[in-house]
């Protein structure tokens, strides 16, 4: 029963908060619409999840909405109608709950009058302790203490629920940042720390359950947890993007300096558990927030020292990132060469940055050193990852070659990375109308006509039938040497195509000589000769 499941003082407090934050004179239409939905029976399946958290379904004009309402903080409501402010569906749920305990008519009259006058009986009740909100502080340590205090209060009421990660990210996070400092830069930094604080707890929650260890999710709960982690990570990135670009005042610079150890701790603690996300979080912070050369240089040296102590590849790669930010490309590439398999995607990332930054000198300097390292990356990668890696390198260098007329160097790159650059190299040669070179590439990798797309093969044959003769010859011999009747039938099909090429070239004498040699060589293969007879290829 709602009358016994809900704290009456908390419900009265929520009503007072609604009247204060949503004046009737400004929100009359929304309030009355919510009241009508409740009176008409459009609210159902109402459940009290805790004494303060309520869920229910509300029938709207065009859809049924799953609505949630937190009586301890009335601003933490949710409804899929995506209204910018309080919507009628949330109010309908509130009126439904309130009407089961108190008088909705009296509440509406008080609302119209501009505020709630609590009855003597209600006033005599002991007020529930109000949840504290994070107030602006003068140091990062104070912020963190406030966050921890709020989390302790929150945990006492909500930790036992299965949707704990959701509550951390979607309900506690708004509380942490509700009363952020007014100064723009400090406000963004405060929000950044709130996200950092919650990420640590979300990662810990996942570690306790063994989540985040693979590419696939073991359960819906793990999938939901990852969604909540990504949500707070997005808040982290957004806070960084909103940080002012102009140099901060000394007071803000001091807060930034205090932030460095906390960001490093995230990398140290969770770099192995969620390597891709944590690496991205860490490096983005060092690109957008920590911009002083001295800070970056000191952090790079610290990471190199810690990487040696902990034998950590992740820390070394992060140090290389800082080296690139400092313009020390040789040092960064030297680190990458120590761990080419792990560094391969970052090599591509920096190549793309330099190629698109309109700084051709920086790209040329990077590439002069980097192209010498490609063999190390290719050999370190698993076979299935080599062609995609080379294709990305080729795509980026092709863009650079187009802008600076470096086509000779582009072809050298494709040649050096062959056969992993085969598709791109063939496309390049076709664009240059170098059809003989295309066929030479196929022959180099021991390809036959059977290995080539029929449409593409037909295009080559149309350009010049002589081009495809060696490809057909190889196909015939490969299927003859397989020595089974099915392969013999395929060989006969390619012999017919081979004969057509010789005929179009008016070189039937060569065809006759070739066929005679083939018959002599396969004289003991009776099944093959039977298939030749069926194909009407025998003299």
Protein backbone atom coordinates (compact mmCIF):
# COMPACT_ATOMS: atom_id res chain seq x y z
CA UNK A 1 0.00 0.00 0.00
CA UNK A 2 1.26 3.45 -0.92
CA UNK A 3 0.06 4.87 2.40
CA UNK A 4 2.54 2.74 4.32
CA UNK A 5 5.34 2.47 1.79
CA UNK A 6 6.03 6.20 1.44
CA UNK A 7 7.42 8.56 4.05
CA UNK A 8 4.74 11.21 4.61
CA UNK A 9 7.21 13.95 5.63
CA UNK A 10 9.25 13.21 2.52
CA UNK A 11 6.12 13.43 0.37
CA UNK A 12 5.21 16.79 1.92
CA UNK A 13 8.73 18.04 1.35
CA UNK A 14 8.51 17.01 -2.31
CA UNK A 15 5.22 18.88 -2.64
CA UNK A 16 6.82 21.99 -1.14
CA UNK A 17 9.77 21.70 -3.52
CA UNK A 18 7.42 21.44 -6.49
CA UNK A 19 5.50 24.56 -5.43
CA UNK A 20 8.72 26.49 -4.93
CA UNK A 21 10.48 25.48 -8.14
CA UNK A 22 7.46 25.37 -10.47
CA UNK A 23 5.16 28.33 -9.66
CA UNK A 24 1.52 27.76 -10.58
CA UNK A 25 1.28 31.09 -12.40
CA UNK A 26 4.02 30.03 -14.84
CA UNK A 27 3.25 26.31 -15.17
CA UNK A 28 -0.51 26.29 -14.77
CA UNK A 29 -1.20 24.37 -17.98
CA UNK A 30 1.32 21.61 -17.23
CA UNK A 31 0.17 21.25 -13.60
CA UNK A 32 -3.51 21.03 -14.52
CA UNK A 33 -2.77 18.57 -17.34
CA UNK A 34 -0.90 16.32 -14.89
CA UNK A 35 -3.77 16.55 -12.39
CA UNK A 36 -6.27 15.55 -15.08
CA UNK A 37 -4.21 12.54 -16.20
CA UNK A 38 -4.15 11.33 -12.60
CA UNK A 39 -7.90 11.91 -12.03
CA UNK A 40 -8.85 10.13 -15.27
CA UNK A 41 -7.04 6.94 -14.27
CA UNK A 42 -4.21 7.24 -16.77
CA UNK A 43 -1.60 6.30 -14.13
CA UNK A 44 -1.05 2.61 -13.33
CA UNK A 45 1.56 0.00 -12.32
CA UNK A 46 2.95 2.35 -9.67
CA UNK A 47 5.76 0.83 -7.60
CA UNK A 48 7.70 2.25 -4.66
CA UNK A 49 11.25 1.01 -5.20
CA UNK A 50 12.56 2.65 -2.02
CA UNK A 51 10.80 4.96 0.35
CA UNK A 52 11.60 7.81 -2.03
CA UNK A 53 12.03 6.34 -5.54
CA UNK A 54 8.82 5.72 -7.50
CA UNK A 55 8.15 4.20 -10.89
CA UNK A 56 4.92 4.09 -12.86
CA UNK A 57 3.30 4.08 -16.28
CA UNK A 58 1.37 7.11 -17.55
CA UNK A 59 -0.85 7.07 -20.64
CA UNK A 60 -0.11 10.18 -22.70
CA UNK A 61 -1.75 11.54 -25.83
CA UNK A 62 0.18 9.28 -28.21
CA UNK A 63 2.13 6.79 -26.09
CA UNK A 64 2.55 5.10 -22.72
CA UNK A 65 5.43 6.61 -20.75
CA UNK A 66 7.62 4.87 -18.17
CA UNK A 67 8.04 7.62 -15.57
CA UNK A 68 10.37 7.75 -12.55
CA UNK A 69 10.32 10.19 -9.66
CA UNK A 70 12.71 10.71 -6.74
CA UNK A 71 10.91 12.32 -3.81
CA UNK A 72 14.20 13.15 -2.08
CA UNK A 73 15.14 15.40 -5.01
CA UNK A 74 12.16 16.28 -7.17
CA UNK A 75 14.44 17.55 -9.95
CA UNK A 76 15.62 13.96 -10.56
CA UNK A 77 12.69 12.80 -12.62
CA UNK A 78 12.66 11.04 -15.97
CA UNK A 79 10.12 10.61 -18.73
CA UNK A 80 10.69 9.49 -22.34
CA UNK A 81 8.60 12.40 -23.66
CA UNK A 82 11.88 14.40 -23.40
CA UNK A 83 10.22 17.63 -22.29
CA UNK A 84 12.77 20.29 -21.41
CA UNK A 85 11.09 21.06 -18.05
CA UNK A 86 8.73 19.20 -15.77
CA UNK A 87 6.16 17.36 -17.90
CA UNK A 88 2.49 16.45 -17.24
CA UNK A 89 3.37 12.74 -17.05
CA UNK A 90 5.75 13.22 -14.10
CA UNK A 91 3.18 15.42 -12.37
CA UNK A 92 0.48 12.83 -13.01
CA UNK A 93 2.59 10.22 -11.21
CA UNK A 94 3.20 12.64 -8.34
CA UNK A 95 -0.50 13.52 -8.00
CA UNK A 96 -1.37 9.80 -8.04
CA UNK A 97 1.07 9.09 -5.18
CA UNK A 98 0.23 12.24 -3.20
CA UNK A 99 -3.52 11.59 -3.56
CA UNK A 100 -3.16 8.17 -1.95
CA UNK A 101 -1.75 9.79 1.19
CA UNK A 102 -3.01 13.38 1.33
CA UNK A 103 -5.63 15.58 -0.37
CA UNK A 104 -4.76 16.58 -3.94
CA UNK A 105 -7.44 19.28 -3.88
CA UNK A 106 -5.84 20.99 -0.88
CA UNK A 107 -2.41 20.74 -2.52
CA UNK A 108 -3.72 22.35 -5.71
CA UNK A 109 -5.36 25.20 -3.74
CA UNK A 110 -2.10 25.88 -1.88
CA UNK A 111 -0.18 25.75 -5.17
CA UNK A 112 -2.49 28.35 -6.71
CA UNK A 113 -2.00 30.59 -3.66
CA UNK A 114 1.74 30.51 -4.21
CA UNK A 115 3.07 28.18 -1.51
CA UNK A 116 2.36 25.44 0.95
CA UNK A 117 1.21 26.15 4.48
CA UNK A 118 1.85 22.97 6.39
CA UNK A 119 -0.79 21.82 8.82
CA UNK A 120 0.01 21.88 12.51
CA UNK A 121 0.16 18.12 12.54
CA UNK A 122 2.56 18.04 9.62
CA UNK A 123 4.66 20.85 11.08
CA UNK A 124 5.05 18.98 14.33
CA UNK A 125 6.59 16.00 12.56
CA UNK A 126 10.31 15.68 12.58
CA UNK A 127 11.72 16.73 9.21
CA UNK A 128 13.80 14.13 7.40
CA UNK A 129 17.48 14.98 7.05
CA UNK A 130 18.02 16.87 3.79
CA UNK A 131 20.53 15.55 1.32
CA UNK A 132 23.55 17.81 1.13
CA UNK A 133 24.73 19.10 -2.21
CA UNK A 134 28.27 19.84 -3.26
CA UNK A 135 29.15 23.45 -2.48
CA UNK A 136 31.97 25.34 -4.15
CA UNK A 137 35.27 24.74 -2.41
CA UNK A 138 38.76 26.19 -2.55
CA UNK A 139 40.62 22.99 -3.30
CA UNK A 140 40.21 19.73 -5.18
CA UNK A 141 40.58 17.84 -1.91
CA UNK A 142 37.52 19.63 -0.51
CA UNK A 143 35.53 18.79 -3.62
CA UNK A 144 36.47 15.15 -3.30
CA UNK A 145 35.47 15.09 0.37
CA UNK A 146 32.08 16.57 -0.48
CA UNK A 147 31.62 13.96 -3.21
CA UNK A 148 32.53 11.19 -0.77
CA UNK A 149 30.08 12.50 1.85
CA UNK A 150 27.27 12.63 -0.70
CA UNK A 151 28.12 9.13 -1.88
CA UNK A 152 28.02 7.80 1.69
CA UNK A 153 24.52 9.25 2.19
CA UNK A 154 23.41 7.95 -1.19
CA UNK A 155 24.83 4.48 -0.53
CA UNK A 156 22.93 4.15 2.74
CA UNK A 157 19.64 4.44 0.84
CA UNK A 158 20.34 2.96 -2.59
CA UNK A 159 23.36 0.62 -2.61
CA UNK A 160 21.31 -2.52 -2.15
CA UNK A 161 19.55 -2.01 -5.49
CA UNK A 162 20.63 -3.85 -8.65
CA UNK A 163 20.57 -0.63 -10.65
CA UNK A 164 23.33 0.93 -8.54
CA UNK A 165 25.51 1.96 -11.54
CA UNK A 166 22.50 3.65 -13.15
CA UNK A 167 21.77 5.56 -9.96
CA UNK A 168 25.41 6.65 -9.70
CA UNK A 169 25.56 8.00 -13.22
CA UNK A 170 22.06 9.37 -13.78
CA UNK A 171 20.94 10.38 -10.29
CA UNK A 172 23.96 10.96 -8.07
CA UNK A 173 25.99 12.77 -10.74
CA UNK A 174 23.39 15.59 -11.04
CA UNK A 175 23.54 15.98 -7.24
CA UNK A 176 27.34 16.25 -7.27
CA UNK A 177 27.27 19.08 -9.79
CA UNK A 178 24.02 20.74 -8.70
CA UNK A 179 25.68 23.67 -6.91
CA UNK A 180 28.88 23.93 -8.92
CA UNK A 181 31.00 27.08 -8.56
CA UNK A 182 29.88 30.08 -10.59
CA UNK A 183 33.21 30.78 -12.32
CA UNK A 184 33.11 29.17 -15.79
CA UNK A 185 36.50 27.47 -15.67
CA UNK A 186 36.06 26.31 -12.07
CA UNK A 187 32.57 25.03 -12.83
CA UNK A 188 33.89 22.93 -15.72
CA UNK A 189 36.73 21.63 -13.54
CA UNK A 190 34.30 20.79 -10.73
CA UNK A 191 32.12 18.84 -13.18
CA UNK A 192 35.23 17.10 -14.51
CA UNK A 193 36.15 15.95 -10.98
CA UNK A 194 32.62 14.73 -10.32
CA UNK A 195 32.86 12.54 -13.42
CA UNK A 196 36.34 11.36 -12.41
CA UNK A 197 35.10 10.49 -8.93
CA UNK A 198 32.18 8.43 -10.25
CA UNK A 199 34.25 6.69 -12.94
CA UNK A 200 36.51 5.33 -10.22
CA UNK A 201 33.52 3.87 -8.37
CA UNK A 202 31.91 2.51 -11.53
CA UNK A 203 35.14 0.78 -12.55
CA UNK A 204 35.42 -0.67 -9.06
CA UNK A 205 31.84 -1.96 -9.27
CA UNK A 206 32.66 -3.66 -12.57
CA UNK A 207 35.93 -5.12 -11.26
CA UNK A 208 34.12 -6.75 -8.34
CA UNK A 209 31.95 -8.62 -10.84
CA UNK A 210 34.66 -9.43 -13.36
CA UNK A 211 33.13 -7.20 -16.04
CA UNK A 212 34.86 -5.42 -18.90
CA UNK A 213 37.30 -8.26 -19.57
CA UNK A 214 36.29 -9.01 -23.16
CA UNK A 215 34.69 -7.66 -26.30
CA UNK A 216 31.38 -9.44 -25.63
CA UNK A 217 29.02 -8.83 -22.72
CA UNK A 218 28.36 -11.74 -20.42
CA UNK A 219 24.99 -10.44 -19.24
CA UNK A 220 22.52 -7.60 -19.60
CA UNK A 221 23.74 -6.19 -16.28
CA UNK A 222 27.26 -5.91 -17.68
CA UNK A 223 25.95 -4.25 -20.82
CA UNK A 224 23.95 -1.77 -18.73
CA UNK A 225 26.98 -1.05 -16.53
CA UNK A 226 29.08 -0.29 -19.61
CA UNK A 227 26.39 2.12 -20.82
CA UNK A 228 26.56 3.94 -17.48
CA UNK A 229 30.37 4.09 -17.66
CA UNK A 230 30.16 5.55 -21.16
CA UNK A 231 27.60 8.11 -19.99
CA UNK A 232 29.92 9.47 -17.29
CA UNK A 233 32.87 9.31 -19.70
CA UNK A 234 30.89 11.53 -22.07
CA UNK A 235 30.35 13.97 -19.19
CA UNK A 236 34.14 13.94 -18.65
CA UNK A 237 34.82 14.77 -22.30
CA UNK A 238 32.11 17.44 -22.36
CA UNK A 239 33.54 19.13 -19.27
CA UNK A 240 36.96 19.24 -20.94
CA UNK A 241 35.53 20.64 -24.17
CA UNK A 242 33.75 23.39 -22.24
CA UNK A 243 36.91 24.42 -20.42
CA UNK A 244 37.87 27.95 -21.56
CA UNK A 245 40.72 28.12 -24.06
CA UNK A 246 42.18 31.34 -22.68
CA UNK A 247 44.88 31.10 -19.95
CA UNK A 248 43.21 30.61 -16.55
CA UNK A 249 43.86 32.93 -13.58
CA UNK A 250 46.33 31.78 -10.91
CA UNK A 251 43.58 30.51 -8.59
CA UNK A 252 42.22 28.23 -11.32
CA UNK A 253 45.72 27.18 -12.37
CA UNK A 254 46.28 25.98 -8.81
CA UNK A 255 43.18 23.76 -9.05
CA UNK A 256 44.41 22.40 -12.37
CA UNK A 257 47.77 21.57 -10.83
CA UNK A 258 46.01 19.74 -7.99
CA UNK A 259 44.07 17.71 -10.57
CA UNK A 260 47.10 16.05 -12.20
CA UNK A 261 47.63 13.27 -9.61
CA UNK A 262 43.96 12.26 -9.73
CA UNK A 263 44.02 11.87 -13.52
CA UNK A 264 47.27 9.90 -13.32
CA UNK A 265 45.77 7.64 -10.66
CA UNK A 266 42.90 6.79 -13.01
CA UNK A 267 45.44 5.60 -15.59
CA UNK A 268 47.49 3.69 -13.02
CA UNK A 269 44.53 1.98 -11.42
CA UNK A 270 42.26 1.23 -14.37
CA UNK A 271 44.57 1.32 -17.41
CA UNK A 272 44.53 -2.48 -17.66
CA UNK A 273 40.85 -2.97 -16.82
CA UNK A 274 39.50 -0.65 -19.55
CA UNK A 275 42.60 0.21 -21.58
CA UNK A 276 41.00 1.89 -24.58
CA UNK A 277 38.59 4.13 -22.66
CA UNK A 278 40.96 5.03 -19.83
CA UNK A 279 43.78 5.81 -22.28
CA UNK A 280 41.42 8.10 -24.21
CA UNK A 281 40.26 9.81 -21.00
CA UNK A 282 43.82 10.35 -19.81
CA UNK A 283 45.27 11.65 -23.09
CA UNK A 284 42.32 13.95 -23.76
CA UNK A 285 42.82 15.54 -20.36
CA UNK A 286 46.48 16.15 -21.20
CA UNK A 287 45.55 17.72 -24.50
CA UNK A 288 42.78 20.04 -23.32
CA UNK A 289 43.37 20.71 -19.62
CA UNK A 290 47.07 20.36 -18.85
CA UNK A 291 48.60 22.51 -21.57
CA UNK A 292 51.78 23.85 -19.98
CA UNK A 293 55.00 22.46 -21.44
CA UNK A 294 56.56 22.04 -18.00
CA UNK A 295 53.58 19.99 -16.79
CA UNK A 296 53.70 17.71 -19.81
CA UNK A 297 57.44 17.20 -19.63
CA UNK A 298 57.33 16.34 -15.94
CA UNK A 299 54.40 13.96 -16.46
CA UNK A 300 56.18 12.23 -19.34
CA UNK A 301 59.24 11.59 -17.19
CA UNK A 302 57.04 10.36 -14.35
CA UNK A 303 55.26 7.91 -16.64
CA UNK A 304 58.50 6.55 -18.08
CA UNK A 305 59.82 5.97 -14.55
CA UNK A 306 56.59 4.27 -13.44
CA UNK A 307 56.44 2.19 -16.64
CA UNK A 308 59.90 0.83 -15.88
CA UNK A 309 58.96 0.03 -12.30
CA UNK A 310 55.63 -1.59 -13.18
CA UNK A 311 56.64 -3.07 -16.57
CA UNK A 312 53.60 -1.31 -18.04
CA UNK A 313 53.15 -0.92 -21.79
CA UNK A 314 50.13 1.35 -21.28
CA UNK A 315 52.16 3.86 -19.29
CA UNK A 316 54.89 3.88 -21.95
CA UNK A 317 52.36 4.53 -24.71
CA UNK A 318 50.86 7.37 -22.67
CA UNK A 319 54.39 8.80 -22.27
CA UNK A 320 54.81 8.62 -26.05
CA UNK A 321 51.57 10.58 -26.43
CA UNK A 322 52.99 13.33 -24.24
CA UNK A 323 56.22 13.26 -26.28
CA UNK A 324 54.20 13.90 -29.44
CA UNK A 325 52.41 16.80 -27.70
CA UNK A 326 55.84 18.21 -26.87
CA UNK A 327 56.98 17.85 -30.49
CA UNK A 328 59.48 15.10 -29.58
CA UNK A 329 58.49 12.75 -32.39
CA UNK A 330 61.74 10.75 -32.45
CA UNK A 331 61.37 9.82 -28.78
CA UNK A 332 57.71 8.91 -29.25
CA UNK A 333 58.44 6.69 -32.26
CA UNK A 334 61.30 5.04 -30.39
CA UNK A 335 58.83 4.08 -27.65
CA UNK A 336 56.35 2.81 -30.23
CA UNK A 337 59.03 0.59 -31.77
CA UNK A 338 59.42 -1.22 -28.44
CA UNK A 339 55.75 -2.25 -28.57
CA UNK A 340 54.70 -2.14 -32.24
CA UNK A 341 51.62 -4.35 -31.89
CA UNK A 342 50.05 -2.15 -29.20
CA UNK A 343 51.31 1.09 -30.79
CA UNK A 344 50.01 0.41 -34.32
CA UNK A 345 46.61 2.17 -33.88
CA UNK A 346 48.29 5.15 -32.20
CA UNK A 347 50.79 5.41 -35.06
CA UNK A 348 47.83 5.72 -37.44
CA UNK A 349 46.17 8.26 -35.16
CA UNK A 350 49.19 10.57 -35.13
CA UNK A 351 49.74 10.12 -38.86
CA UNK A 352 46.16 11.26 -39.43
CA UNK A 353 46.57 14.22 -37.09
CA UNK A 354 49.67 15.45 -38.85
CA UNK A 355 48.21 14.81 -42.30
CA UNK A 356 45.09 16.87 -41.52
CA UNK A 357 46.72 19.63 -39.45
CA UNK A 358 47.93 21.60 -42.49
CA UNK A 359 51.47 21.37 -41.15
CA UNK A 360 53.24 19.53 -44.00
CA UNK A 361 56.67 20.00 -42.43
CA UNK A 362 55.57 18.21 -39.26
CA UNK A 363 54.04 15.39 -41.30
CA UNK A 364 57.14 15.05 -43.50
CA UNK A 365 59.39 14.90 -40.43
CA UNK A 366 57.15 12.30 -38.77
CA UNK A 367 56.88 10.20 -41.93
CA UNK A 368 60.61 10.26 -42.68
CA UNK A 369 61.16 8.36 -39.45
CA UNK A 370 57.88 6.48 -39.28
CA UNK A 371 58.01 4.83 -42.72
CA UNK A 372 61.21 3.06 -41.69
CA UNK A 373 59.29 1.43 -38.83
CA UNK A 374 56.40 0.00 -40.89
CA UNK A 375 57.98 -3.44 -41.22
CA UNK A 376 58.08 -3.75 -37.41
CA UNK A 377 54.37 -2.92 -37.09
CA UNK A 378 53.31 -5.26 -39.90
CA UNK A 379 55.29 -8.21 -38.59
CA UNK A 380 54.07 -7.65 -35.02
CA UNK A 381 50.38 -7.58 -35.95
CA UNK A 382 48.29 -10.76 -36.35
CA UNK A 383 47.87 -11.77 -39.99
CA UNK A 384 44.24 -10.67 -40.17
CA UNK A 385 45.09 -7.16 -38.91
CA UNK A 386 47.92 -6.45 -41.34
CA UNK A 387 45.90 -5.56 -44.43
CA UNK A 388 43.56 -3.14 -42.54
CA UNK A 389 46.61 -1.48 -40.96
CA UNK A 390 48.37 -1.04 -44.31
CA UNK A 391 45.15 0.16 -45.93
CA UNK A 392 44.80 2.94 -43.35
CA UNK A 393 48.42 3.97 -43.82
CA UNK A 394 47.91 4.00 -47.58
CA UNK A 395 44.70 6.02 -47.30
CA UNK A 396 46.38 8.71 -45.23
CA UNK A 397 49.50 8.91 -47.36
CA UNK A 398 47.40 9.03 -50.54
CA UNK A 399 45.70 12.16 -49.19
CA UNK A 400 49.10 13.72 -48.45
CA UNK A 401 50.46 12.68 -51.86
CA UNK A 402 47.47 14.27 -53.59
CA UNK A 403 48.08 17.58 -51.83
CA UNK A 404 51.84 17.66 -52.38
CA UNK A 405 52.31 15.63 -55.58
CA UNK A 406 54.18 12.78 -53.88
CA UNK A 407 52.86 10.00 -56.09
CA UNK A 408 56.24 8.32 -56.59
CA UNK A 409 56.61 7.97 -52.83
CA UNK A 410 53.03 6.70 -52.61
CA UNK A 411 53.79 3.89 -55.06
CA UNK A 412 56.98 3.04 -53.18
CA UNK A 413 54.91 2.69 -50.02
CA UNK A 414 52.41 0.37 -51.71
CA UNK A 415 55.22 -1.71 -53.19
CA UNK A 416 57.03 -1.98 -49.84
CA UNK A 417 53.84 -3.13 -48.07
CA UNK A 418 52.81 -5.68 -50.68
CA UNK A 419 50.95 -8.09 -50.50
CA UNK A 420 49.00 -6.37 -47.67
CA UNK A 421 48.55 -3.35 -49.94
CA UNK A 422 47.34 -5.49 -52.86
CA UNK A 423 43.85 -4.01 -53.25
CA UNK A 424 45.04 -0.43 -52.99
CA UNK A 425 48.04 -1.10 -55.26
CA UNK A 426 45.87 -2.70 -57.95
CA UNK A 427 43.48 0.25 -57.80
CA UNK A 428 46.39 2.64 -58.19
CA UNK A 429 47.85 0.78 -61.17
CA UNK A 430 44.47 0.62 -62.87
CA UNK A 431 44.12 4.37 -62.47
CA UNK A 432 47.47 4.68 -64.24
CA UNK A 433 46.30 2.19 -66.95
CA UNK A 434 49.24 -0.05 -66.13
CA UNK A 435 47.44 -3.29 -66.79
CA UNK A 436 50.59 -5.38 -67.33
CA UNK A 437 51.79 -4.37 -63.87
CA UNK A 438 48.44 -5.42 -62.43
CA UNK A 439 48.79 -8.91 -63.90
CA UNK A 440 52.40 -9.08 -62.72
CA UNK A 441 51.18 -8.44 -59.16
CA UNK A 442 48.74 -11.34 -59.40
CA UNK A 443 51.41 -13.61 -60.78
CA UNK A 444 53.80 -12.52 -58.04
CA UNK A 445 51.40 -13.79 -55.38
CA UNK A 446 50.77 -16.99 -57.39
CA UNK A 447 47.18 -16.07 -58.19
CA UNK A 448 45.23 -17.69 -61.02
CA UNK A 449 42.19 -16.63 -63.01
CA UNK A 450 40.09 -18.56 -60.49
CA UNK A 451 41.25 -16.23 -57.66
CA UNK A 452 40.21 -13.03 -59.44
CA UNK A 453 36.78 -11.44 -59.53
CA UNK A 454 35.14 -12.51 -62.85
CA UNK A 455 34.02 -8.96 -63.66
CA UNK A 456 37.50 -7.60 -63.13
CA UNK A 457 39.00 -10.48 -65.10
CA UNK A 458 36.63 -9.73 -67.99
CA UNK A 459 37.70 -6.07 -67.90
CA UNK A 460 41.37 -7.08 -68.18
CA UNK A 461 40.55 -9.47 -70.99
CA UNK A 462 38.69 -6.73 -72.85
CA UNK A 463 41.71 -4.41 -72.56
CA UNK A 464 44.02 -7.05 -74.00
CA UNK A 465 43.33 -10.82 -74.11
CA UNK A 466 47.07 -11.49 -73.97
CA UNK A 467 47.12 -10.07 -70.42
CA UNK A 468 45.05 -12.90 -68.98
CA UNK A 469 46.69 -15.82 -70.81
CA UNK A 470 49.12 -16.65 -67.97
CA UNK A 471 46.30 -16.40 -65.42
CA UNK A 472 44.18 -18.90 -67.36
CA UNK A 473 47.17 -21.20 -67.89
CA UNK A 474 47.81 -21.27 -64.15
CA UNK A 475 44.16 -21.97 -63.42
CA UNK A 476 44.11 -24.92 -65.81
CA UNK A 477 47.21 -26.52 -64.31
CA UNK A 478 46.07 -25.98 -60.74
CA UNK A 479 42.80 -27.86 -61.32
CA UNK A 480 44.43 -30.57 -63.45
CA UNK A 481 46.95 -31.22 -60.67
CA UNK A 482 44.11 -31.63 -58.17
CA UNK A 483 43.41 -35.01 -59.86
CA UNK A 484 39.70 -35.46 -59.29
CA UNK A 485 36.82 -35.35 -61.72
CA UNK A 486 35.23 -32.22 -60.24
CA UNK A 487 38.47 -30.25 -60.64
CA UNK A 488 38.86 -31.61 -64.18
CA UNK A 489 35.51 -30.10 -65.10
CA UNK A 490 36.66 -26.69 -63.84
CA UNK A 491 39.92 -27.05 -65.78
CA UNK A 492 37.93 -27.70 -68.97
CA UNK A 493 35.94 -24.49 -68.40
CA UNK A 494 39.14 -22.47 -68.15
CA UNK A 495 40.54 -24.24 -71.24
CA UNK A 496 37.53 -23.02 -73.21
CA UNK A 497 38.15 -19.46 -72.05
CA UNK A 498 41.82 -19.85 -72.90
CA UNK A 499 40.93 -21.03 -76.41
CA UNK A 500 38.65 -18.01 -76.87
CA UNK A 501 41.52 -15.68 -75.94
CA UNK A 502 43.89 -17.31 -78.44
CA UNK A 503 41.17 -17.14 -81.08
CA UNK A 504 40.59 -13.41 -80.51
CA UNK A 505 44.35 -12.87 -80.74
CA UNK A 506 44.46 -14.93 -83.94
CA UNK A 507 47.08 -17.18 -82.42
CA UNK A 508 45.37 -20.57 -82.84
CA UNK A 509 48.63 -22.24 -83.80
CA UNK A 510 49.93 -21.54 -80.30
CA UNK A 511 46.70 -22.90 -78.88
CA UNK A 512 47.09 -26.16 -80.85
CA UNK A 513 50.68 -26.55 -79.69
CA UNK A 514 49.68 -25.92 -76.07
CA UNK A 515 46.79 -28.41 -76.25
CA UNK A 516 48.99 -31.10 -77.77
CA UNK A 517 51.57 -30.67 -74.99
CA UNK A 518 48.82 -30.80 -72.35
CA UNK A 519 47.36 -34.01 -73.84
CA UNK A 520 50.77 -35.64 -73.89
CA UNK A 521 51.49 -34.62 -70.31
CA UNK A 522 48.16 -35.99 -69.09
CA UNK A 523 48.04 -39.08 -71.27
CA UNK A 524 47.47 -41.38 -68.27
CA UNK A 525 44.68 -39.22 -66.80
CA UNK A 526 41.73 -41.03 -68.37
CA UNK A 527 39.08 -39.13 -66.38
CA UNK A 528 40.55 -35.80 -67.49
CA UNK A 529 40.50 -36.86 -71.14
CA UNK A 530 36.90 -37.95 -70.75
CA UNK A 531 36.01 -34.46 -69.50
CA UNK A 532 37.94 -32.94 -72.42
CA UNK A 533 35.89 -35.07 -74.81
CA UNK A 534 32.65 -33.97 -73.15
CA UNK A 535 33.80 -30.39 -73.54
CA UNK A 536 34.58 -31.01 -77.21
CA UNK A 537 38.20 -29.97 -76.77
CA UNK A 538 39.84 -33.08 -78.18
CA UNK A 539 41.10 -32.91 -81.80
